[in-house]
Protein backbone atom coordinates (compact mmCIF):
# COMPACT_ATOMS: atom_id res chain seq x y z
CA ILE A 1 123.25 65.78 107.84
CA TRP A 2 123.81 65.97 104.12
CA GLN A 3 126.27 64.25 101.87
CA PHE A 4 128.34 65.62 99.06
CA ASN A 5 128.44 63.42 95.96
CA ALA A 6 131.42 64.19 93.72
CA ARG A 7 130.52 61.51 91.17
CA PRO A 8 128.82 63.97 88.75
CA LEU A 9 131.97 66.10 88.78
CA LEU A 10 134.26 63.29 87.59
CA PRO A 11 133.06 63.19 83.96
CA ASP A 12 133.10 66.98 83.72
CA ASN A 13 136.66 67.15 85.02
CA ALA A 14 137.78 64.44 82.60
CA ALA A 15 136.03 66.20 79.70
CA ARG A 16 137.68 69.49 80.69
CA GLN A 17 141.08 67.78 80.77
CA ALA A 18 140.42 66.34 77.30
CA HIS A 19 139.54 69.82 76.06
CA ARG A 20 142.71 71.33 77.54
CA LEU A 21 144.92 68.60 76.08
CA SER A 22 143.33 69.02 72.67
CA HIS A 23 144.34 72.69 72.67
CA THR A 24 147.97 71.65 73.10
CA GLY A 25 147.73 69.13 70.24
CA ASN A 26 148.14 66.17 72.59
CA TRP A 27 145.47 64.11 70.85
CA ARG A 28 146.33 60.79 72.48
CA GLY A 29 146.20 62.32 75.96
CA ALA A 30 142.96 64.09 75.09
CA ILE A 31 141.47 60.81 73.89
CA ARG A 32 142.46 59.07 77.13
CA ALA A 33 140.81 61.83 79.16
CA GLY A 34 137.74 61.83 76.90
CA GLU A 35 137.39 58.07 77.21
CA LEU A 36 137.50 58.50 80.98
CA ALA A 37 134.66 61.03 80.76
CA LEU A 38 132.69 58.49 78.71
CA ALA A 39 133.39 55.75 81.26
CA TYR A 40 132.00 57.97 84.01
CA TRP A 41 128.99 59.19 82.03
CA PRO A 42 128.33 57.13 78.87
CA GLY A 43 124.84 58.56 78.39
CA GLU A 44 125.98 62.11 77.65
CA PRO A 45 125.90 62.86 73.89
CA ALA A 46 128.30 65.80 74.30
CA HIS A 47 131.05 63.42 75.40
CA HIS A 48 130.49 61.28 72.30
CA LEU A 49 130.61 64.37 70.07
CA SER A 50 133.87 65.44 71.70
CA MET A 51 135.33 61.98 71.18
CA SER A 52 134.29 62.07 67.54
CA GLN A 53 136.17 65.33 67.10
CA LEU A 54 139.25 63.97 68.88
CA TYR A 55 139.26 60.83 66.73
CA TRP A 56 138.89 63.07 63.66
CA GLN A 57 141.98 65.05 64.72
CA MET A 58 143.91 61.80 65.11
CA ALA A 59 142.89 60.78 61.59
CA LEU A 60 144.17 64.09 60.25
CA SER A 61 147.43 63.98 62.15
CA HIS A 62 148.11 60.27 61.51
CA PRO A 63 147.05 59.56 57.90
CA VAL A 64 148.45 56.02 57.95
CA GLU A 65 146.03 55.13 60.75
CA ALA A 66 143.23 57.34 59.42
CA LYS A 67 140.84 54.54 58.51
CA SER A 68 140.60 53.22 62.07
CA TRP A 69 140.31 56.72 63.58
CA LEU A 70 137.58 57.65 61.10
CA ALA A 71 135.65 54.51 62.02
CA LYS A 72 135.87 55.44 65.70
CA SER A 73 134.78 58.99 64.95
CA GLU A 74 131.80 57.75 62.98
CA ALA A 75 130.83 55.31 65.75
CA ALA A 76 130.92 58.10 68.33
CA LEU A 77 128.64 60.23 66.15
CA GLN A 78 126.23 57.34 65.73
CA MET A 79 126.08 56.86 69.49
CA ALA A 80 125.33 60.57 69.99
CA GLN A 81 122.54 60.30 67.41
CA TRP A 82 121.13 57.25 69.18
CA LEU A 83 121.21 59.01 72.55
CA ARG A 84 119.60 62.21 71.29
CA PRO A 85 117.92 61.60 67.91
CA ASP A 86 116.06 64.92 67.81
CA ASP A 87 119.08 67.17 68.33
CA PRO A 88 119.77 69.05 65.08
CA LEU A 89 123.30 69.99 66.14
CA ILE A 90 124.27 66.32 66.38
CA TRP A 91 123.00 65.79 62.82
CA LEU A 92 124.87 68.93 61.72
CA GLN A 93 128.08 67.63 63.30
CA THR A 94 127.56 64.32 61.49
CA ALA A 95 127.06 66.12 58.18
CA LEU A 96 130.24 68.13 58.73
CA PHE A 97 132.12 64.92 59.51
CA TYR A 98 131.06 63.22 56.27
CA SER A 99 131.63 66.35 54.20
CA SER A 100 135.12 66.83 55.66
CA ALA A 101 136.00 63.15 55.33
CA GLY A 102 135.12 63.34 51.65
CA ARG A 103 137.25 66.44 51.20
CA HIS A 104 140.31 65.32 53.20
CA PHE A 105 140.41 61.62 52.45
CA GLN A 106 138.89 61.51 48.95
CA ASN A 107 136.27 58.97 49.89
CA ARG A 108 132.63 58.90 48.91
CA THR A 109 131.24 60.00 52.26
CA ALA A 110 130.63 63.54 51.02
CA ASP A 111 127.40 62.38 49.38
CA ALA A 112 126.16 60.98 52.69
CA SER A 113 126.56 64.41 54.27
CA VAL A 114 123.59 65.75 52.27
CA PHE A 115 121.28 63.28 54.03
CA PHE A 116 122.53 64.45 57.44
CA TYR A 117 122.27 68.14 56.55
CA ARG A 118 118.70 67.57 55.40
CA ARG A 119 117.88 65.71 58.61
CA ALA A 120 119.26 68.63 60.62
CA LEU A 121 117.15 71.05 58.53
CA ASP A 122 114.05 68.95 59.19
CA LEU A 123 114.68 69.32 62.91
CA ALA A 124 115.67 73.00 62.85
CA PRO A 125 114.29 74.72 59.72
CA GLN A 126 115.18 78.19 61.04
CA ASN A 127 118.87 77.48 61.71
CA ALA A 128 121.06 79.59 59.43
CA THR A 129 124.18 77.57 60.26
CA ILE A 130 122.67 74.42 58.78
CA TYR A 131 121.63 76.23 55.59
CA PHE A 132 125.14 77.65 55.33
CA GLY A 133 126.75 74.22 55.80
CA LEU A 134 124.62 72.55 53.15
CA GLY A 135 125.03 75.51 50.80
CA ARG A 136 128.80 75.42 51.23
CA HIS A 137 128.81 71.68 50.57
CA PHE A 138 126.88 72.15 47.33
CA LEU A 139 129.14 75.01 46.27
CA GLU A 140 132.24 72.87 46.86
CA THR A 141 130.75 70.00 44.86
CA GLY A 142 129.80 72.20 41.91
CA ALA A 143 126.05 72.49 42.49
CA SER A 144 126.07 76.30 42.44
CA GLU A 145 122.33 76.80 41.87
CA GLU A 146 121.36 74.72 44.90
CA ALA A 147 124.16 76.39 46.87
CA ALA A 148 122.92 79.88 46.03
CA THR A 149 119.36 79.01 47.09
CA LEU A 150 120.51 77.63 50.44
CA LEU A 151 122.98 80.44 51.06
CA ARG A 152 120.27 83.03 50.34
CA GLN A 153 118.18 81.35 53.01
CA ALA A 154 121.13 81.40 55.43
CA VAL A 155 121.62 85.13 54.82
CA SER A 156 117.91 85.85 55.24
CA LEU A 157 117.91 84.02 58.60
CA ASP A 158 121.14 85.63 59.84
CA ALA A 159 122.09 88.81 58.02
CA SER A 160 125.05 89.32 60.39
CA ASP A 161 126.96 86.26 59.13
CA GLY A 162 129.59 87.63 56.76
CA ILE A 163 130.88 84.17 55.78
CA SER A 164 127.45 83.27 54.37
CA TYR A 165 127.58 86.43 52.24
CA LEU A 166 131.04 85.48 50.94
CA TYR A 167 129.93 82.01 49.92
CA LEU A 168 126.71 83.40 48.43
CA GLY A 169 128.82 85.78 46.35
CA ALA A 170 130.95 82.87 45.13
CA ALA A 171 127.83 80.90 44.19
CA GLU A 172 126.41 83.88 42.32
CA LEU A 173 129.71 84.31 40.44
CA ASP A 174 129.62 80.62 39.47
CA LEU A 175 126.13 81.21 38.09
CA GLY A 176 127.35 84.22 36.08
CA ASN A 177 125.53 86.77 38.25
CA ALA A 178 128.36 89.23 38.79
CA GLU A 179 125.99 92.03 39.87
CA GLU A 180 124.38 89.84 42.51
CA ALA A 181 127.77 88.64 43.71
CA LEU A 182 128.82 92.17 44.56
């Protein structure tokens, strides 16, 4: 005789429901479902990353309440980092959060994103996406030389990524290298 244990399915179903609700723009419903997934399986970093993204969406859609939603988003990222400290994608997600928060809410968190990008690069030095993210951040903050160097590395690691080429061209133009930009 064997038994069927549905307990592992409960967090996955709740996370799936959160994902579906997020696609309809029902952020509060998605957060409720995501929190249920976390209650069932609090040790899964993916659930914390999803919650961070849902809280971020609430901050964007409710600017008056943005400060509290951003704090929740940051806390969820920190928990994911604590659960899986050697996962470069968690550090990349954290860098993107701080970079975006600086851009959308004019706070000083954009500078913190460089630390998290660099941490992600330390963990995954052959990841073109991380080079692209840091290069884009530098380009958007006016550090075109650093941006060009990082974007060249992104292109060399993944020559099929057209977006990296576009940003590299913009960095080259900023540096006055019109020939290189084309």
